C-alpha cells in the first residue's frame, strides 16, 4: 500500500468572490458543533468582516485552496481576542465535506501558524473546538497544540458551548 500524501494547499486572502464558499461552510453539517447555520444576514456580515483589513498584525482570514486544481475548499484564519487576562491569537477553520479527511485543514493550519508566528505580536495561538468535535481536536493535536483542558465558551454570542482550550506557543516569553 502506497503512503498517503497530503495534497498541497495554499492560503489566499479572503476575497469578494468567496461569499458562495462561506455559504457552503454555513451548511448544517458544517455548523453542527457551532450552534447551527447562521441566517443569510449574518453570513453577509461575516463575509464583510472577513474582507475588512484590521490593524496590521491583528490577524486575517483566508480561503484554503487545493493545488494543482486551485479549487477553494474551505477557510481558515487567525484573529486577536482577550483570553484570561491577555491578548492572544485565536484560530478556526472549515473544509467543505467533500474535501474532508485529506489533511487539508492541518496543512492550512501549518501555514496559519507560520504567519501568526512571523507576526511576532502574541506569544500564544489558541483554538477552541467543541469537546464533541473529534476531527478539529485531532487537527490541534497534529499541529502541536497543547490541550489545556475543557472550558465554557460562548459561540455564537448567546450560545454556551463546552470547548477544549488548545494552545500553541508562537514565541518564547520575553
N, C-alpha and C. Protein backbone atom coordinates (compact mmCIF):
# COMPACT_ATOMS: atom_id res chain seq x y z
N UNK A 1 0.85 -1.18 0.00
CA UNK A 1 0.00 0.00 0.00
C UNK A 1 0.89 1.25 0.00
N UNK A 2 0.61 2.18 -0.88
CA UNK A 2 1.40 3.41 -1.01
C UNK A 2 1.10 4.33 0.16
N UNK A 3 2.12 5.07 0.63
CA UNK A 3 1.86 6.02 1.73
C UNK A 3 0.90 7.11 1.28
N UNK A 4 0.06 7.52 2.20
CA UNK A 4 -0.91 8.58 1.91
C UNK A 4 -0.18 9.92 1.89
N UNK A 5 -0.44 10.71 0.87
CA UNK A 5 0.17 12.04 0.80
C UNK A 5 -0.92 13.08 0.93
N UNK A 6 -0.55 14.19 1.53
CA UNK A 6 -1.48 15.30 1.68
C UNK A 6 -1.35 16.19 0.46
N UNK A 7 -2.47 16.50 -0.19
CA UNK A 7 -2.39 17.42 -1.32
C UNK A 7 -1.81 18.76 -0.88
N UNK A 8 -1.16 19.42 -1.79
CA UNK A 8 -0.60 20.73 -1.48
C UNK A 8 -1.73 21.75 -1.39
N UNK A 9 -1.63 22.61 -0.39
CA UNK A 9 -2.63 23.67 -0.24
C UNK A 9 -1.93 25.01 -0.17
N UNK A 10 -2.69 26.01 -0.43
CA UNK A 10 -2.25 27.40 -0.32
C UNK A 10 -3.35 28.12 0.44
N UNK A 11 -2.96 29.13 1.20
CA UNK A 11 -3.98 30.00 1.78
C UNK A 11 -3.85 31.35 1.10
N UNK A 12 -4.99 31.88 0.69
CA UNK A 12 -5.03 33.15 -0.03
C UNK A 12 -5.97 34.09 0.70
N UNK A 13 -5.69 35.38 0.67
CA UNK A 13 -6.57 36.33 1.37
C UNK A 13 -8.03 36.17 0.94
N UNK A 14 -8.91 36.29 1.92
CA UNK A 14 -10.35 36.21 1.66
C UNK A 14 -10.73 37.30 0.70
N UNK A 15 -11.55 36.96 -0.31
CA UNK A 15 -11.92 37.93 -1.33
C UNK A 15 -13.41 38.08 -1.52
N UNK A 16 -13.76 39.08 -2.26
CA UNK A 16 -15.16 39.39 -2.55
C UNK A 16 -15.87 38.17 -3.16
N UNK A 17 -15.17 37.40 -3.97
CA UNK A 17 -15.77 36.25 -4.66
C UNK A 17 -15.94 35.02 -3.76
N UNK A 18 -15.58 35.11 -2.48
CA UNK A 18 -15.65 33.95 -1.58
C UNK A 18 -16.96 33.82 -0.82
N UNK A 19 -17.95 34.65 -1.14
CA UNK A 19 -19.23 34.59 -0.45
C UNK A 19 -19.90 33.22 -0.62
N UNK A 20 -19.88 32.66 -1.83
CA UNK A 20 -20.51 31.35 -2.04
C UNK A 20 -19.81 30.26 -1.23
N UNK A 21 -18.49 30.35 -1.10
CA UNK A 21 -17.75 29.41 -0.26
C UNK A 21 -18.21 29.53 1.19
N UNK A 22 -18.39 30.75 1.67
CA UNK A 22 -18.86 30.96 3.04
C UNK A 22 -20.26 30.36 3.22
N UNK A 23 -21.09 30.50 2.21
CA UNK A 23 -22.43 29.88 2.28
C UNK A 23 -22.33 28.36 2.38
N UNK A 24 -21.40 27.76 1.63
CA UNK A 24 -21.19 26.29 1.72
C UNK A 24 -20.73 25.91 3.12
N UNK A 25 -19.87 26.72 3.71
CA UNK A 25 -19.35 26.44 5.04
C UNK A 25 -20.40 26.67 6.13
N UNK A 26 -21.52 27.28 5.77
CA UNK A 26 -22.61 27.57 6.70
C UNK A 26 -23.66 26.46 6.69
N UNK A 27 -23.42 25.37 5.98
CA UNK A 27 -24.37 24.27 5.88
C UNK A 27 -24.53 23.58 7.24
N UNK A 28 -25.68 22.95 7.48
CA UNK A 28 -25.91 22.29 8.77
C UNK A 28 -24.81 21.30 9.17
N UNK A 29 -24.31 20.50 8.24
CA UNK A 29 -23.27 19.53 8.59
C UNK A 29 -21.93 20.19 8.93
N UNK A 30 -21.76 21.43 8.49
CA UNK A 30 -20.53 22.17 8.78
C UNK A 30 -20.63 22.95 10.09
N UNK A 31 -21.83 23.18 10.57
CA UNK A 31 -22.01 24.05 11.74
C UNK A 31 -22.63 23.32 12.93
N UNK A 32 -22.73 21.99 12.85
CA UNK A 32 -23.38 21.26 13.94
C UNK A 32 -22.66 21.44 15.27
N UNK A 33 -21.35 21.68 15.26
CA UNK A 33 -20.60 21.89 16.50
C UNK A 33 -20.48 23.37 16.85
N UNK A 34 -21.14 24.22 16.08
CA UNK A 34 -21.07 25.67 16.28
C UNK A 34 -22.44 26.30 16.48
N UNK A 35 -23.41 25.52 16.81
CA UNK A 35 -24.73 26.07 17.07
C UNK A 35 -25.64 26.12 15.87
N UNK A 36 -25.24 25.55 14.73
CA UNK A 36 -26.08 25.52 13.55
C UNK A 36 -25.83 26.68 12.61
N UNK A 37 -26.45 26.61 11.44
CA UNK A 37 -26.24 27.64 10.42
C UNK A 37 -26.67 29.03 10.87
N UNK A 38 -25.98 30.01 10.33
CA UNK A 38 -26.35 31.41 10.56
C UNK A 38 -27.37 31.83 9.50
N UNK A 39 -28.09 32.90 9.79
CA UNK A 39 -29.01 33.45 8.80
C UNK A 39 -28.19 34.05 7.65
N UNK A 40 -28.85 34.26 6.53
CA UNK A 40 -28.17 34.90 5.39
C UNK A 40 -27.64 36.27 5.78
N UNK A 41 -28.39 37.01 6.57
CA UNK A 41 -27.94 38.33 7.02
C UNK A 41 -26.62 38.21 7.80
N UNK A 42 -26.53 37.24 8.69
CA UNK A 42 -25.30 37.06 9.48
C UNK A 42 -24.14 36.58 8.61
N UNK A 43 -24.43 35.76 7.61
CA UNK A 43 -23.38 35.32 6.68
C UNK A 43 -22.82 36.52 5.94
N UNK A 44 -23.69 37.42 5.50
CA UNK A 44 -23.23 38.63 4.80
C UNK A 44 -22.38 39.52 5.71
N UNK A 45 -22.77 39.65 6.96
CA UNK A 45 -21.99 40.44 7.93
C UNK A 45 -20.63 39.78 8.14
N UNK A 46 -20.60 38.46 8.28
CA UNK A 46 -19.34 37.73 8.46
C UNK A 46 -18.43 37.93 7.25
N UNK A 47 -19.00 37.81 6.06
CA UNK A 47 -18.23 38.00 4.81
C UNK A 47 -17.59 39.39 4.79
N UNK A 48 -18.36 40.42 5.13
CA UNK A 48 -17.84 41.79 5.16
C UNK A 48 -16.70 41.90 6.17
N UNK A 49 -16.89 41.28 7.33
CA UNK A 49 -15.85 41.34 8.37
C UNK A 49 -14.57 40.65 7.88
N UNK A 50 -14.71 39.54 7.19
CA UNK A 50 -13.54 38.84 6.65
C UNK A 50 -12.80 39.69 5.62
N UNK A 51 -13.54 40.54 4.91
CA UNK A 51 -12.93 41.38 3.88
C UNK A 51 -12.22 42.61 4.43
N UNK A 52 -12.64 43.07 5.60
CA UNK A 52 -12.08 44.31 6.15
C UNK A 52 -10.69 44.07 6.73
N UNK A 53 -9.72 44.81 6.23
CA UNK A 53 -8.39 44.65 6.82
C UNK A 53 -8.37 45.26 8.22
N UNK A 54 -7.85 44.50 9.15
CA UNK A 54 -7.70 45.01 10.51
C UNK A 54 -6.36 45.72 10.63
N UNK A 55 -6.05 46.11 11.82
CA UNK A 55 -4.75 46.70 12.11
C UNK A 55 -3.68 45.66 11.75
N UNK A 56 -2.57 46.10 11.20
CA UNK A 56 -1.52 45.17 10.83
C UNK A 56 -1.12 44.32 12.02
N UNK A 57 -1.06 43.02 11.78
CA UNK A 57 -0.69 42.09 12.84
C UNK A 57 -1.86 41.58 13.66
N UNK A 58 -3.09 42.05 13.36
CA UNK A 58 -4.25 41.65 14.15
C UNK A 58 -4.89 40.37 13.63
N UNK A 59 -4.35 39.80 12.55
CA UNK A 59 -4.88 38.56 12.00
C UNK A 59 -5.49 38.76 10.63
N UNK A 60 -5.98 37.66 10.07
CA UNK A 60 -6.57 37.70 8.73
C UNK A 60 -7.35 36.42 8.48
N UNK A 61 -8.24 36.48 7.51
CA UNK A 61 -8.99 35.30 7.05
C UNK A 61 -8.51 34.94 5.66
N UNK A 62 -8.54 33.63 5.38
CA UNK A 62 -8.05 33.10 4.12
C UNK A 62 -9.00 32.05 3.58
N UNK A 63 -8.99 31.90 2.27
CA UNK A 63 -9.62 30.73 1.66
C UNK A 63 -8.52 29.68 1.56
N UNK A 64 -8.90 28.43 1.71
CA UNK A 64 -7.97 27.30 1.57
C UNK A 64 -8.13 26.80 0.15
N UNK A 65 -7.03 26.77 -0.58
CA UNK A 65 -7.04 26.39 -1.99
C UNK A 65 -6.20 25.13 -2.16
N UNK A 66 -6.79 24.11 -2.78
CA UNK A 66 -6.06 22.87 -3.04
C UNK A 66 -5.41 22.97 -4.42
N UNK A 67 -4.16 22.51 -4.49
CA UNK A 67 -3.40 22.56 -5.73
C UNK A 67 -3.24 21.15 -6.28
N UNK A 68 -3.09 20.94 -7.54
CA UNK A 68 -2.91 21.96 -8.58
C UNK A 68 -4.20 22.52 -9.14
N UNK A 69 -5.36 22.00 -8.67
CA UNK A 69 -6.64 22.42 -9.24
C UNK A 69 -6.98 23.88 -8.97
N UNK A 70 -6.39 24.45 -7.89
CA UNK A 70 -6.67 25.82 -7.44
C UNK A 70 -8.14 25.99 -7.05
N UNK A 71 -8.72 24.94 -6.51
CA UNK A 71 -10.11 24.98 -6.07
C UNK A 71 -10.18 25.40 -4.61
N UNK A 72 -11.04 26.38 -4.32
CA UNK A 72 -11.24 26.82 -2.94
C UNK A 72 -12.10 25.78 -2.24
N UNK A 73 -11.57 25.25 -1.10
CA UNK A 73 -12.23 24.14 -0.42
C UNK A 73 -12.57 24.45 1.03
N UNK A 74 -12.26 25.65 1.50
CA UNK A 74 -12.56 25.97 2.88
C UNK A 74 -11.99 27.31 3.27
N UNK A 75 -12.02 27.57 4.58
CA UNK A 75 -11.44 28.81 5.09
C UNK A 75 -10.66 28.53 6.37
N UNK A 76 -9.80 29.45 6.71
CA UNK A 76 -9.01 29.39 7.93
C UNK A 76 -8.57 30.81 8.24
N UNK A 77 -8.35 31.08 9.48
CA UNK A 77 -7.89 32.41 9.84
C UNK A 77 -7.37 32.46 11.26
N UNK A 78 -6.90 33.61 11.61
CA UNK A 78 -6.49 33.88 12.99
C UNK A 78 -6.80 35.34 13.28
N UNK A 79 -7.12 35.63 14.53
CA UNK A 79 -7.54 36.96 14.93
C UNK A 79 -7.22 37.14 16.41
N UNK A 80 -7.21 38.39 16.82
CA UNK A 80 -6.93 38.69 18.22
C UNK A 80 -8.18 38.52 19.07
N UNK A 81 -7.96 38.10 20.30
CA UNK A 81 -9.02 38.04 21.30
C UNK A 81 -8.39 38.16 22.68
N UNK A 82 -9.21 38.59 23.61
CA UNK A 82 -8.78 38.63 25.01
C UNK A 82 -9.13 37.27 25.61
N UNK A 83 -8.17 36.66 26.27
CA UNK A 83 -8.41 35.37 26.89
C UNK A 83 -7.63 35.29 28.20
N UNK A 84 -8.40 35.22 29.28
CA UNK A 84 -7.82 35.05 30.61
C UNK A 84 -6.75 36.10 30.93
N UNK A 85 -7.09 37.35 30.62
CA UNK A 85 -6.25 38.46 31.00
C UNK A 85 -5.14 38.83 30.04
N UNK A 86 -5.09 38.19 28.88
CA UNK A 86 -4.06 38.58 27.91
C UNK A 86 -4.62 38.52 26.49
N UNK A 87 -3.98 39.26 25.60
CA UNK A 87 -4.37 39.23 24.20
C UNK A 87 -3.61 38.11 23.53
N UNK A 88 -4.36 37.25 22.86
CA UNK A 88 -3.79 36.09 22.16
C UNK A 88 -4.38 36.07 20.75
N UNK A 89 -3.84 35.21 19.92
CA UNK A 89 -4.49 34.91 18.65
C UNK A 89 -5.38 33.69 18.86
N UNK A 90 -6.50 33.70 18.16
CA UNK A 90 -7.38 32.54 18.07
C UNK A 90 -7.40 32.10 16.62
N UNK A 91 -7.54 30.82 16.38
CA UNK A 91 -7.66 30.32 15.02
C UNK A 91 -8.89 29.43 14.89
N UNK A 92 -9.38 29.34 13.68
CA UNK A 92 -10.51 28.47 13.36
C UNK A 92 -10.51 28.18 11.88
N UNK A 93 -11.16 27.08 11.49
CA UNK A 93 -11.12 26.62 10.11
C UNK A 93 -12.37 25.84 9.76
N UNK A 94 -12.56 25.63 8.48
CA UNK A 94 -13.62 24.77 7.97
C UNK A 94 -13.24 24.31 6.58
N UNK A 95 -13.44 23.03 6.31
CA UNK A 95 -13.20 22.45 4.98
C UNK A 95 -14.51 21.82 4.54
N UNK A 96 -14.96 22.11 3.32
CA UNK A 96 -16.24 21.57 2.85
C UNK A 96 -16.18 20.04 2.88
N UNK A 97 -17.31 19.39 3.19
CA UNK A 97 -17.32 17.94 3.44
C UNK A 97 -16.69 17.07 2.35
N UNK A 98 -16.90 17.41 1.09
CA UNK A 98 -16.36 16.55 0.04
C UNK A 98 -14.83 16.55 -0.02
N UNK A 99 -14.19 17.48 0.69
CA UNK A 99 -12.73 17.51 0.75
C UNK A 99 -12.20 17.15 2.14
N UNK A 100 -13.10 16.77 3.03
CA UNK A 100 -12.70 16.42 4.39
C UNK A 100 -11.90 15.13 4.44
N UNK A 101 -11.14 14.97 5.51
CA UNK A 101 -10.39 13.74 5.73
C UNK A 101 -9.14 13.58 4.90
N UNK A 102 -8.69 14.63 4.25
CA UNK A 102 -7.50 14.56 3.39
C UNK A 102 -6.30 15.31 3.97
N UNK A 103 -6.45 15.85 5.16
CA UNK A 103 -5.35 16.58 5.78
C UNK A 103 -5.24 18.03 5.34
N UNK A 104 -6.25 18.54 4.65
CA UNK A 104 -6.18 19.91 4.13
C UNK A 104 -6.22 20.95 5.24
N UNK A 105 -7.07 20.74 6.26
CA UNK A 105 -7.13 21.71 7.36
C UNK A 105 -5.82 21.72 8.13
N UNK A 106 -5.21 20.56 8.31
CA UNK A 106 -3.93 20.51 9.01
C UNK A 106 -2.85 21.23 8.20
N UNK A 107 -2.82 20.99 6.90
CA UNK A 107 -1.83 21.66 6.05
C UNK A 107 -2.04 23.17 6.06
N UNK A 108 -3.30 23.60 5.97
CA UNK A 108 -3.59 25.04 6.03
C UNK A 108 -3.26 25.58 7.42
N UNK A 109 -3.49 24.80 8.45
CA UNK A 109 -3.17 25.21 9.81
C UNK A 109 -1.68 25.48 9.98
N UNK A 110 -0.85 24.65 9.36
CA UNK A 110 0.60 24.89 9.44
C UNK A 110 0.96 26.24 8.83
N UNK A 111 0.30 26.59 7.74
CA UNK A 111 0.56 27.88 7.09
C UNK A 111 0.11 29.05 7.96
N UNK A 112 -1.03 28.90 8.63
CA UNK A 112 -1.51 29.95 9.52
C UNK A 112 -0.59 30.10 10.72
N UNK A 113 -0.11 28.98 11.26
CA UNK A 113 0.83 29.05 12.39
C UNK A 113 2.08 29.81 11.96
N UNK A 114 2.59 29.52 10.76
CA UNK A 114 3.77 30.25 10.26
C UNK A 114 3.51 31.75 10.19
N UNK A 115 2.35 32.13 9.66
CA UNK A 115 2.01 33.56 9.53
C UNK A 115 1.88 34.23 10.89
N UNK A 116 1.15 33.57 11.79
CA UNK A 116 0.96 34.15 13.12
C UNK A 116 2.30 34.26 13.85
N UNK A 117 3.14 33.26 13.70
CA UNK A 117 4.47 33.29 14.34
C UNK A 117 5.30 34.43 13.75
N UNK A 118 5.23 34.62 12.44
CA UNK A 118 6.00 35.67 11.77
C UNK A 118 5.56 37.06 12.22
N UNK A 119 4.29 37.20 12.61
CA UNK A 119 3.81 38.49 13.11
C UNK A 119 4.61 38.89 14.35
N UNK A 120 4.95 37.94 15.18
CA UNK A 120 5.71 38.22 16.39
C UNK A 120 4.96 39.05 17.42
N UNK A 121 3.67 39.15 17.25
CA UNK A 121 2.87 40.07 18.07
C UNK A 121 2.39 39.44 19.38
N UNK A 122 2.02 38.16 19.33
CA UNK A 122 1.48 37.49 20.52
C UNK A 122 2.23 36.20 20.78
N UNK A 123 2.29 35.83 22.03
CA UNK A 123 3.02 34.63 22.42
C UNK A 123 2.26 33.36 22.08
N UNK A 124 0.92 33.41 22.16
CA UNK A 124 0.13 32.19 22.01
C UNK A 124 -0.93 32.29 20.92
N UNK A 125 -1.18 31.13 20.31
CA UNK A 125 -2.29 30.92 19.39
C UNK A 125 -3.18 29.87 20.04
N UNK A 126 -4.47 30.16 20.16
CA UNK A 126 -5.42 29.23 20.77
C UNK A 126 -6.42 28.76 19.72
N UNK A 127 -6.96 27.58 19.96
CA UNK A 127 -8.09 27.05 19.20
C UNK A 127 -9.08 26.51 20.23
N UNK A 128 -10.37 26.63 19.93
CA UNK A 128 -11.41 26.24 20.89
C UNK A 128 -12.45 25.34 20.23
N UNK A 129 -12.07 24.16 19.75
CA UNK A 129 -13.07 23.28 19.16
C UNK A 129 -13.99 22.68 20.24
N UNK A 130 -15.19 22.37 19.85
CA UNK A 130 -16.12 21.71 20.76
C UNK A 130 -15.49 20.42 21.27
N UNK A 131 -15.78 20.09 22.52
CA UNK A 131 -15.28 18.82 23.07
C UNK A 131 -15.84 17.64 22.29
N UNK A 132 -16.95 17.85 21.60
CA UNK A 132 -17.61 16.79 20.83
C UNK A 132 -17.22 16.78 19.36
N UNK A 133 -16.12 17.45 19.00
CA UNK A 133 -15.71 17.51 17.60
C UNK A 133 -14.34 16.84 17.45
N UNK A 134 -14.32 15.52 17.28
CA UNK A 134 -13.04 14.80 17.25
C UNK A 134 -12.11 15.25 16.13
N UNK A 135 -12.63 15.59 14.96
CA UNK A 135 -11.76 15.96 13.84
C UNK A 135 -10.99 17.25 14.15
N UNK A 136 -11.67 18.27 14.65
CA UNK A 136 -10.97 19.53 14.95
C UNK A 136 -9.99 19.37 16.11
N UNK A 137 -10.35 18.55 17.09
CA UNK A 137 -9.41 18.30 18.19
C UNK A 137 -8.18 17.55 17.68
N UNK A 138 -8.36 16.64 16.74
CA UNK A 138 -7.22 15.92 16.16
C UNK A 138 -6.31 16.86 15.38
N UNK A 139 -6.88 17.83 14.69
CA UNK A 139 -6.08 18.81 13.95
C UNK A 139 -5.20 19.59 14.93
N UNK A 140 -5.78 20.01 16.05
CA UNK A 140 -4.99 20.73 17.06
C UNK A 140 -3.81 19.88 17.52
N UNK A 141 -4.06 18.62 17.78
CA UNK A 141 -3.00 17.71 18.22
C UNK A 141 -1.92 17.58 17.15
N UNK A 142 -2.32 17.40 15.91
CA UNK A 142 -1.36 17.26 14.79
C UNK A 142 -0.52 18.52 14.60
N UNK A 143 -1.09 19.67 14.90
CA UNK A 143 -0.37 20.94 14.73
C UNK A 143 0.56 21.25 15.91
N UNK A 144 0.52 20.42 16.94
CA UNK A 144 1.41 20.62 18.07
C UNK A 144 0.86 21.48 19.19
N UNK A 145 -0.45 21.75 19.17
CA UNK A 145 -1.08 22.50 20.25
C UNK A 145 -1.07 21.64 21.51
N UNK A 146 -1.09 22.28 22.65
CA UNK A 146 -1.18 21.61 23.95
C UNK A 146 -2.60 21.78 24.47
N UNK A 147 -3.21 20.68 24.89
CA UNK A 147 -4.55 20.74 25.45
C UNK A 147 -4.47 21.23 26.88
N UNK A 148 -5.08 22.39 27.14
CA UNK A 148 -5.08 22.96 28.49
C UNK A 148 -6.27 22.49 29.30
N UNK A 149 -7.29 21.96 28.63
CA UNK A 149 -8.47 21.46 29.31
C UNK A 149 -9.74 22.01 28.69
N UNK A 150 -10.85 21.55 29.23
CA UNK A 150 -12.16 21.99 28.74
C UNK A 150 -12.51 23.32 29.38
N UNK A 151 -13.30 24.10 28.67
CA UNK A 151 -13.74 25.40 29.18
C UNK A 151 -15.11 25.72 28.59
N UNK A 152 -15.79 26.63 29.23
CA UNK A 152 -17.07 27.11 28.71
C UNK A 152 -16.78 28.28 27.79
N UNK A 153 -17.46 28.29 26.69
CA UNK A 153 -17.23 29.28 25.64
C UNK A 153 -18.59 29.69 25.14
N UNK A 154 -18.69 30.88 24.63
CA UNK A 154 -19.95 31.36 24.07
C UNK A 154 -19.76 31.57 22.58
N UNK A 155 -20.35 30.67 21.79
CA UNK A 155 -20.27 30.82 20.34
C UNK A 155 -21.43 30.08 19.70
N UNK A 156 -22.13 30.77 18.83
CA UNK A 156 -22.09 32.21 18.63
C UNK A 156 -22.53 32.94 19.89
N UNK A 157 -22.35 34.27 19.93
CA UNK A 157 -22.73 35.00 21.14
C UNK A 157 -24.14 34.63 21.60
N UNK A 158 -24.24 34.33 22.88
CA UNK A 158 -25.53 33.94 23.45
C UNK A 158 -25.74 32.44 23.51
N UNK A 159 -24.85 31.66 22.91
CA UNK A 159 -24.99 30.20 22.93
C UNK A 159 -23.78 29.58 23.63
N UNK A 160 -23.99 29.10 24.86
CA UNK A 160 -22.87 28.48 25.57
C UNK A 160 -22.52 27.12 24.96
N UNK A 161 -21.24 26.82 24.94
CA UNK A 161 -20.80 25.51 24.47
C UNK A 161 -19.58 25.08 25.28
N UNK A 162 -19.35 23.80 25.33
CA UNK A 162 -18.19 23.25 26.03
C UNK A 162 -17.11 23.01 24.99
N UNK A 163 -15.96 23.62 25.19
CA UNK A 163 -14.86 23.55 24.24
C UNK A 163 -13.60 23.04 24.91
N UNK A 164 -12.68 22.61 24.10
CA UNK A 164 -11.33 22.35 24.57
C UNK A 164 -10.50 23.59 24.27
N UNK A 165 -9.67 23.97 25.22
CA UNK A 165 -8.75 25.10 25.05
C UNK A 165 -7.40 24.51 24.66
N UNK A 166 -7.05 24.68 23.39
CA UNK A 166 -5.76 24.23 22.87
C UNK A 166 -4.87 25.45 22.69
N UNK A 167 -3.61 25.33 23.06
CA UNK A 167 -2.69 26.48 22.98
C UNK A 167 -1.38 26.05 22.33
N UNK A 168 -0.90 26.92 21.44
CA UNK A 168 0.38 26.71 20.77
C UNK A 168 1.25 27.92 21.05
N UNK A 169 2.47 27.69 21.49
CA UNK A 169 3.39 28.79 21.75
C UNK A 169 3.99 29.24 20.42
N UNK A 170 3.84 30.52 20.12
CA UNK A 170 4.38 31.10 18.89
C UNK A 170 5.78 31.66 19.10
N UNK A 171 6.04 32.14 20.29
CA UNK A 171 7.35 32.69 20.61
C UNK A 171 7.56 32.56 22.11
N UNK A 172 8.82 32.41 22.52
CA UNK A 172 9.08 32.32 23.97
C UNK A 172 8.74 33.62 24.67
N UNK A 173 8.51 33.51 25.96
CA UNK A 173 8.21 34.69 26.76
C UNK A 173 9.41 35.63 26.73
N UNK A 174 9.14 36.91 26.61
CA UNK A 174 10.21 37.91 26.55
C UNK A 174 10.69 38.29 27.91
